[in-house]
Amino acid sequence: MISTSTSIPGATLAVPDAELYYEVRGAGPLVVLVGAPMDANSFAPLADLLATEHTVLTTDPRGVNRSPLHGESSTPMMADYLAGDVIGAWKRFFAQANIQLPEGAIDAMFGGERDPRTVADERFWFEHEMRETIRWEPDLAALRDGSVRIVVGIGEESTAQLCERTSIALAEGLGVEPVRFTGGHIGFVEQPEPFAAVLRPYLRTVVDRR
C-alpha cells in the first residue's frame, strides 16, 4: 500500500527556457529523486520515508506538470499517439517494453475521460522525450572512470522486460553487479517502504565514503 504523503510546500527555479518546480524534505545528506515523465508527486511517498535521514529533493522535469516551458517549439512526433491513437500507442509501447498487463488494463488506464494535466504531460513525453530516450547511449568509459559510484537497480518483478535487459547491459558495461529492488518497473511508487529498505544501505555507503 502506498502511504499518504505529507503536504510539502513547493518552490520554482527560473531558468532561460522554463520554470522548474521542486520540493525539499528533511535534513542530512542530499538525495535527489527524479524521473520522466513522472513528476514530484510520484516520488512523494518514497521521499517522505527517506527524509528521516536525508535532505530529499524531488522535481517536476521540464515540460511536466508544474514546470512549464517558455517558447515551446514543435519536434518530430511519435506518429501513433500524435495521430490520436492513444490506446494503440500505449499498447505498442508496453509490447515493445515486454510489460505484460491484464486484458483490458490499457483501455481502462488510458481510455475515457482523463485528467487534462496528466494527458498534457503524457503527450509531452511522447512528443519530446521518448525518441531521445530511445536513441541515447551512455559514455561507458566516462562512467567507469568517474569518481561517482553507480548502482544499477532493477525491479524484482521486471524479469524479461526491456528495462531489465538494458539495465543488465549497462551493469555489464560498467563492470558492476545490478541490484534487485522490491517491485517492478515503478516499485518505488507501488511499494515505497520495502523499496526504501533496499535503497537505504546504498545511501549510507555513499555517506560513509565521504
C-alpha atoms as a PDB file:
ATOM      1  CA  MET A   1       0.000   0.000   0.000  1.00  0.00           C
ATOM      2  CA  ILE A   2       1.247   3.489  -0.825  1.00  0.00           C
ATOM      3  CA  SER A   3       1.492   5.752   2.197  1.00  0.00           C
ATOM      4  CA  THR A   4      -0.126   9.169   2.120  1.00  0.00           C
ATOM      5  CA  SER A   5       2.455  11.899   1.632  1.00  0.00           C
ATOM      6  CA  THR A   6       2.569  14.898   3.908  1.00  0.00           C
ATOM      7  CA  SER A   7       1.899  18.265   2.313  1.00  0.00           C
ATOM      8  CA  ILE A   8       5.194  19.827   1.243  1.00  0.00           C
ATOM      9  CA  PRO A   9       5.340  23.449   0.021  1.00  0.00           C
ATOM     10  CA  GLY A  10       6.993  23.679  -3.369  1.00  0.00           C
ATOM     11  CA  ALA A  11       9.134  26.352  -4.985  1.00  0.00           C
ATOM     12  CA  THR A  12      10.235  27.226  -8.506  1.00  0.00           C
ATOM     13  CA  LEU A  13      13.583  27.955 -10.111  1.00  0.00           C
ATOM     14  CA  ALA A  14      13.621  30.268 -13.127  1.00  0.00           C
ATOM     15  CA  VAL A  15      15.862  29.118 -15.996  1.00  0.00           C
ATOM     16  CA  PRO A  16      16.074  30.553 -19.536  1.00  0.00           C
ATOM     17  CA  ASP A  17      13.586  28.115 -21.079  1.00  0.00           C
ATOM     18  CA  ALA A  18      11.343  27.112 -18.175  1.00  0.00           C
ATOM     19  CA  GLU A  19      10.119  27.465 -14.608  1.00  0.00           C
ATOM     20  CA  LEU A  20      11.285  24.359 -12.733  1.00  0.00           C
ATOM     21  CA  TYR A  21       9.123  23.195  -9.817  1.00  0.00           C
ATOM     22  CA  TYR A  22      10.752  21.385  -6.896  1.00  0.00           C
ATOM     23  CA  GLU A  23      10.149  20.242  -3.311  1.00  0.00           C
ATOM     24  CA  VAL A  24      12.638  19.743  -0.449  1.00  0.00           C
ATOM     25  CA  ARG A  25      12.101  17.481   2.550  1.00  0.00           C
ATOM     26  CA  GLY A  26      14.080  16.523   5.631  1.00  0.00           C
ATOM     27  CA  ALA A  27      17.683  17.207   6.637  1.00  0.00           C
ATOM     28  CA  GLY A  28      21.019  15.482   6.133  1.00  0.00           C
ATOM     29  CA  PRO A  29      22.943  14.261   3.067  1.00  0.00           C
ATOM     30  CA  LEU A  30      21.210  15.164  -0.197  1.00  0.00           C
ATOM     31  CA  VAL A  31      19.207  12.591  -2.170  1.00  0.00           C
ATOM     32  CA  VAL A  32      17.626  13.591  -5.494  1.00  0.00           C
ATOM     33  CA  LEU A  33      14.630  11.585  -6.738  1.00  0.00           C
ATOM     34  CA  VAL A  34      13.787  12.369 -10.346  1.00  0.00           C
ATOM     35  CA  GLY A  35      12.432  10.605 -13.413  1.00  0.00           C
ATOM     36  CA  ALA A  36      10.435  11.341 -16.540  1.00  0.00           C
ATOM     37  CA  PRO A  37       7.609  11.601 -17.345  1.00  0.00           C
ATOM     38  CA  MET A  38       6.834  11.269 -13.613  1.00  0.00           C
ATOM     39  CA  ASP A  39       6.574  14.409 -11.508  1.00  0.00           C
ATOM     40  CA  ALA A  40       7.393  15.112  -7.867  1.00  0.00           C
ATOM     41  CA  ASN A  41       4.079  13.620  -6.731  1.00  0.00           C
ATOM     42  CA  SER A  42       5.134  10.166  -7.937  1.00  0.00           C
ATOM     43  CA  PHE A  43       8.167  10.188  -5.649  1.00  0.00           C
ATOM     44  CA  ALA A  44       6.427  11.731  -2.617  1.00  0.00           C
ATOM     45  CA  PRO A  45       5.837   8.520  -0.593  1.00  0.00           C
ATOM     46  CA  LEU A  46       9.462   7.395  -1.013  1.00  0.00           C
ATOM     47  CA  ALA A  47      10.700  10.941  -0.326  1.00  0.00           C
ATOM     48  CA  ASP A  48       8.765  11.038   2.954  1.00  0.00           C
ATOM     49  CA  LEU A  49      10.412   7.801   4.070  1.00  0.00           C
ATOM     50  CA  LEU A  50      13.948   8.904   3.172  1.00  0.00           C
ATOM     51  CA  ALA A  51      13.514  12.393   4.660  1.00  0.00           C
ATOM     52  CA  THR A  52      14.010  10.975   8.170  1.00  0.00           C
ATOM     53  CA  GLU A  53      17.749  10.680   7.371  1.00  0.00           C
ATOM     54  CA  HIS A  54      18.293  12.824   4.276  1.00  0.00           C
ATOM     55  CA  THR A  55      17.508  16.094   2.577  1.00  0.00           C
ATOM     56  CA  VAL A  56      15.351  14.837  -0.304  1.00  0.00           C
ATOM     57  CA  LEU A  57      14.837  16.860  -3.491  1.00  0.00           C
ATOM     58  CA  THR A  58      12.016  15.971  -5.878  1.00  0.00           C
ATOM     59  CA  THR A  59      11.088  17.864  -9.017  1.00  0.00           C
ATOM     60  CA  ASP A  60       8.753  18.111 -11.986  1.00  0.00           C
ATOM     61  CA  PRO A  61      11.005  17.680 -15.069  1.00  0.00           C
ATOM     62  CA  ARG A  62      10.994  20.322 -17.802  1.00  0.00           C
ATOM     63  CA  GLY A  63       7.619  20.467 -19.533  1.00  0.00           C
ATOM     64  CA  VAL A  64       5.872  18.233 -16.977  1.00  0.00           C
ATOM     65  CA  ASN A  65       3.037  19.394 -14.686  1.00  0.00           C
ATOM     66  CA  ARG A  66       4.262  22.458 -12.736  1.00  0.00           C
ATOM     67  CA  SER A  67       7.448  23.020 -14.783  1.00  0.00           C
ATOM     68  CA  PRO A  68       6.144  24.794 -17.914  1.00  0.00           C
ATOM     69  CA  LEU A  69       8.407  25.553 -20.850  1.00  0.00           C
ATOM     70  CA  HIS A  70       8.774  29.022 -22.361  1.00  0.00           C
ATOM     71  CA  GLY A  71       8.531  29.317 -26.139  1.00  0.00           C
ATOM     72  CA  GLU A  72       7.977  25.591 -26.620  1.00  0.00           C
ATOM     73  CA  SER A  73       8.688  24.539 -30.200  1.00  0.00           C
ATOM     74  CA  SER A  74       7.449  21.551 -32.166  1.00  0.00           C
ATOM     75  CA  THR A  75       9.660  18.469 -32.556  1.00  0.00           C
ATOM     76  CA  PRO A  76       9.247  15.181 -34.532  1.00  0.00           C
ATOM     77  CA  MET A  77       6.261  13.178 -33.273  1.00  0.00           C
ATOM     78  CA  MET A  78       5.650   9.600 -32.186  1.00  0.00           C
ATOM     79  CA  ALA A  79       3.187   9.017 -35.003  1.00  0.00           C
ATOM     80  CA  ASP A  80       0.551   6.730 -33.448  1.00  0.00           C
ATOM     81  CA  TYR A  81      -0.021   8.815 -30.343  1.00  0.00           C
ATOM     82  CA  LEU A  82       0.092  12.178 -32.034  1.00  0.00           C
ATOM     83  CA  ALA A  83      -2.295  10.990 -34.731  1.00  0.00           C
ATOM     84  CA  GLY A  84      -4.855  10.402 -31.977  1.00  0.00           C
ATOM     85  CA  ASP A  85      -4.457   6.644 -31.407  1.00  0.00           C
ATOM     86  CA  VAL A  86      -3.640   6.900 -27.701  1.00  0.00           C
ATOM     87  CA  ILE A  87      -4.671   3.345 -26.798  1.00  0.00           C
ATOM     88  CA  GLY A  88      -2.814   1.884 -29.790  1.00  0.00           C
ATOM     89  CA  ALA A  89       0.340   3.829 -28.951  1.00  0.00           C
ATOM     90  CA  TRP A  90       0.356   2.637 -25.358  1.00  0.00           C
ATOM     91  CA  LYS A  91      -0.306  -0.956 -26.410  1.00  0.00           C
ATOM     92  CA  ARG A  92       2.695  -0.837 -28.751  1.00  0.00           C
ATOM     93  CA  PHE A  93       4.816   0.791 -26.047  1.00  0.00           C
ATOM     94  CA  PHE A  94       4.047  -1.910 -23.476  1.00  0.00           C
ATOM     95  CA  ALA A  95       4.518  -4.655 -26.081  1.00  0.00           C
ATOM     96  CA  GLN A  96       7.959  -3.349 -27.047  1.00  0.00           C
ATOM     97  CA  ALA A  97       8.907  -2.990 -23.386  1.00  0.00           C
ATOM     98  CA  ASN A  98       7.711  -6.568 -22.662  1.00  0.00           C
ATOM     99  CA  ILE A  99       5.478  -5.288 -19.880  1.00  0.00           C
ATOM    100  CA  GLN A 100       2.515  -7.636 -19.576  1.00  0.00           C
ATOM    101  CA  LEU A 101      -0.764  -6.163 -18.336  1.00  0.00           C
ATOM    102  CA  PRO A 102      -4.134  -7.893 -17.803  1.00  0.00           C
ATOM    103  CA  GLU A 103      -6.628  -7.857 -20.664  1.00  0.00           C
ATOM    104  CA  GLY A 104      -8.414  -4.517 -20.780  1.00  0.00           C
ATOM    105  CA  ALA A 105      -5.993  -2.776 -18.401  1.00  0.00           C
ATOM    106  CA  ILE A 106      -4.591  -0.394 -21.013  1.00  0.00           C
ATOM    107  CA  ASP A 107      -8.077   0.633 -22.147  1.00  0.00           C
ATOM    108  CA  ALA A 108      -9.037   1.280 -18.524  1.00  0.00           C
ATOM    109  CA  MET A 109      -5.863   3.259 -17.795  1.00  0.00           C
ATOM    110  CA  PHE A 110      -5.769   5.435 -20.910  1.00  0.00           C
ATOM    111  CA  GLY A 111      -9.322   5.491 -22.264  1.00  0.00           C
ATOM    112  CA  GLY A 112     -12.369   7.570 -21.398  1.00  0.00           C
ATOM    113  CA  GLU A 113     -12.278  10.868 -19.526  1.00  0.00           C
ATOM    114  CA  ARG A 114      -8.861  11.678 -18.083  1.00  0.00           C
ATOM    115  CA  ASP A 115      -7.238  14.477 -16.109  1.00  0.00           C
ATOM    116  CA  PRO A 116      -6.172  17.185 -18.621  1.00  0.00           C
ATOM    117  CA  ARG A 117      -2.846  17.781 -16.827  1.00  0.00           C
ATOM    118  CA  THR A 118      -1.997  14.076 -16.988  1.00  0.00           C
ATOM    119  CA  VAL A 119      -2.849  13.979 -20.683  1.00  0.00           C
ATOM    120  CA  ALA A 120      -0.696  17.045 -21.366  1.00  0.00           C
ATOM    121  CA  ASP A 121       2.288  15.522 -19.535  1.00  0.00           C
ATOM    122  CA  GLU A 122       1.798  12.261 -21.387  1.00  0.00           C
ATOM    123  CA  ARG A 123       1.689  13.997 -24.756  1.00  0.00           C
ATOM    124  CA  PHE A 124       4.858  15.943 -23.930  1.00  0.00           C
ATOM    125  CA  TRP A 125       6.619  12.654 -23.162  1.00  0.00           C
ATOM    126  CA  PHE A 126       5.551  11.079 -26.455  1.00  0.00           C
ATOM    127  CA  GLU A 127       6.279  14.204 -28.479  1.00  0.00           C
ATOM    128  CA  HIS A 128       9.540  15.413 -26.930  1.00  0.00           C
ATOM    129  CA  GLU A 129      11.221  12.871 -24.670  1.00  0.00           C
ATOM    130  CA  MET A 130      10.634   9.331 -25.876  1.00  0.00           C
ATOM    131  CA  ARG A 131      12.610   9.480 -29.135  1.00  0.00           C
ATOM    132  CA  GLU A 132      15.713  10.966 -27.489  1.00  0.00           C
ATOM    133  CA  THR A 133      15.477   8.429 -24.657  1.00  0.00           C
ATOM    134  CA  ILE A 134      15.468   5.571 -27.158  1.00  0.00           C
ATOM    135  CA  ARG A 135      18.417   6.920 -29.137  1.00  0.00           C
ATOM    136  CA  TRP A 136      20.641   7.922 -26.205  1.00  0.00           C
ATOM    137  CA  GLU A 137      23.736   5.835 -25.449  1.00  0.00           C
ATOM    138  CA  PRO A 138      25.793   6.353 -22.264  1.00  0.00           C
ATOM    139  CA  ASP A 139      29.522   7.042 -22.373  1.00  0.00           C
ATOM    140  CA  LEU A 140      30.579   3.878 -20.547  1.00  0.00           C
ATOM    141  CA  ALA A 141      34.259   4.803 -20.387  1.00  0.00           C
ATOM    142  CA  ALA A 142      33.481   8.148 -18.757  1.00  0.00           C
ATOM    143  CA  LEU A 143      31.118   6.499 -16.281  1.00  0.00           C
ATOM    144  CA  ARG A 144      33.632   3.772 -15.389  1.00  0.00           C
ATOM    145  CA  ASP A 145      36.463   6.263 -14.916  1.00  0.00           C
ATOM    146  CA  GLY A 146      34.446   8.821 -12.965  1.00  0.00           C
ATOM    147  CA  SER A 147      34.586   9.360  -9.217  1.00  0.00           C
ATOM    148  CA  VAL A 148      30.864   8.706  -8.685  1.00  0.00           C
ATOM    149  CA  ARG A 149      29.770   5.215  -7.660  1.00  0.00           C
ATOM    150  CA  ILE A 150      26.959   3.988  -9.909  1.00  0.00           C
ATOM    151  CA  VAL A 151      24.435   1.423  -8.699  1.00  0.00           C
ATOM    152  CA  VAL A 152      22.244  -0.124 -11.404  1.00  0.00           C
ATOM    153  CA  GLY A 153      18.883  -1.070  -9.915  1.00  0.00           C
ATOM    154  CA  ILE A 154      16.342  -3.487 -11.407  1.00  0.00           C
ATOM    155  CA  GLY A 155      12.864  -4.316 -10.130  1.00  0.00           C
ATOM    156  CA  GLU A 156      12.492  -7.906  -8.984  1.00  0.00           C
ATOM    157  CA  GLU A 157       9.279  -8.187 -11.000  1.00  0.00           C
ATOM    158  CA  SER A 158      10.827  -6.752 -14.191  1.00  0.00           C
ATOM    159  CA  THR A 159      12.136 -10.108 -15.431  1.00  0.00           C
ATOM    160  CA  ALA A 160      12.404 -10.247 -19.252  1.00  0.00           C
ATOM    161  CA  GLN A 161      11.219  -6.669 -19.654  1.00  0.00           C
ATOM    162  CA  LEU A 162      13.160  -4.243 -21.822  1.00  0.00           C
ATOM    163  CA  CYS A 163      14.149  -2.242 -18.739  1.00  0.00           C
ATOM    164  CA  GLU A 164      15.764  -5.361 -17.233  1.00  0.00           C
ATOM    165  CA  ARG A 165      17.710  -6.199 -20.396  1.00  0.00           C
ATOM    166  CA  THR A 166      19.018  -2.669 -20.847  1.00  0.00           C
ATOM    167  CA  SER A 167      19.911  -2.370 -17.155  1.00  0.00           C
ATOM    168  CA  ILE A 168      21.836  -5.646 -17.244  1.00  0.00           C
ATOM    169  CA  ALA A 169      23.688  -4.473 -20.348  1.00  0.00           C
ATOM    170  CA  LEU A 170      24.572  -1.200 -18.588  1.00  0.00           C
ATOM    171  CA  ALA A 171      25.803  -3.039 -15.491  1.00  0.00           C
ATOM    172  CA  GLU A 172      27.954  -5.347 -17.616  1.00  0.00           C
ATOM    173  CA  GLY A 173      29.397  -2.356 -19.465  1.00  0.00           C
ATOM    174  CA  LEU A 174      30.288  -0.724 -16.160  1.00  0.00           C
ATOM    175  CA  GLY A 175      31.641  -3.926 -14.626  1.00  0.00           C
ATOM    176  CA  VAL A 176      29.209  -3.907 -11.684  1.00  0.00           C
ATOM    177  CA  GLU A 177      26.553  -6.273 -10.379  1.00  0.00           C
ATOM    178  CA  PRO A 178      22.971  -4.990 -10.676  1.00  0.00           C
ATOM    179  CA  VAL A 179      20.922  -4.647  -7.507  1.00  0.00           C
ATOM    180  CA  ARG A 180      17.408  -6.064  -7.303  1.00  0.00           C
ATOM    181  CA  PHE A 181      14.835  -3.728  -5.791  1.00  0.00           C
ATOM    182  CA  THR A 182      11.383  -4.614  -4.493  1.00  0.00           C
ATOM    183  CA  GLY A 183       8.593  -4.435  -7.061  1.00  0.00           C
ATOM    184  CA  GLY A 184       8.531  -3.922 -10.790  1.00  0.00           C
ATOM    185  CA  HIS A 185       9.311  -1.066 -13.164  1.00  0.00           C
ATOM    186  CA  ILE A 186       7.948   1.535 -10.735  1.00  0.00           C
ATOM    187  CA  GLY A 187       8.429  -0.287  -7.450  1.00  0.00           C
ATOM    188  CA  PHE A 188       9.298   2.986  -5.715  1.00  0.00           C
ATOM    189  CA  VAL A 189       5.716   4.128  -6.398  1.00  0.00           C
ATOM    190  CA  GLU A 190       3.871   0.870  -5.774  1.00  0.00           C
ATOM    191  CA  GLN A 191       5.893  -0.394  -2.773  1.00  0.00           C
ATOM    192  CA  PRO A 192       7.836   2.590  -1.362  1.00  0.00           C
ATOM    193  CA  GLU A 193       8.559   1.139   2.084  1.00  0.00           C
ATOM    194  CA  PRO A 194      10.314  -2.103   1.003  1.00  0.00           C
ATOM    195  CA  PHE A 195      11.957  -0.178  -1.845  1.00  0.00           C
ATOM    196  CA  ALA A 196      13.385   2.313   0.658  1.00  0.00           C
ATOM    197  CA  ALA A 197      14.651  -0.560   2.821  1.00  0.00           C
ATOM    198  CA  VAL A 198      16.799  -1.803  -0.086  1.00  0.00           C
ATOM    199  CA  LEU A 199      17.932   1.707  -1.053  1.00  0.00           C
ATOM    200  CA  ARG A 200      18.983   2.976   2.393  1.00  0.00           C
ATOM    201  CA  PRO A 201      22.156   0.822   2.787  1.00  0.00           C
ATOM    202  CA  TYR A 202      23.487   2.145  -0.526  1.00  0.00           C
ATOM    203  CA  LEU A 203      22.804   5.732   0.509  1.00  0.00           C
ATOM    204  CA  ARG A 204      24.638   5.161   3.787  1.00  0.00           C
ATOM    205  CA  THR A 205      27.593   3.684   1.911  1.00  0.00           C
ATOM    206  CA  VAL A 206      27.897   6.867  -0.136  1.00  0.00           C
ATOM    207  CA  VAL A 207      27.808   8.989   3.036  1.00  0.00           C
ATOM    208  CA  ASP A 208      30.389   6.787   4.802  1.00  0.00           C
ATOM    209  CA  ARG A 209      32.823   7.147   1.885  1.00  0.00           C
ATOM    210  CA  ARG A 210      32.968  10.938   2.262  1.00  0.00           C
END
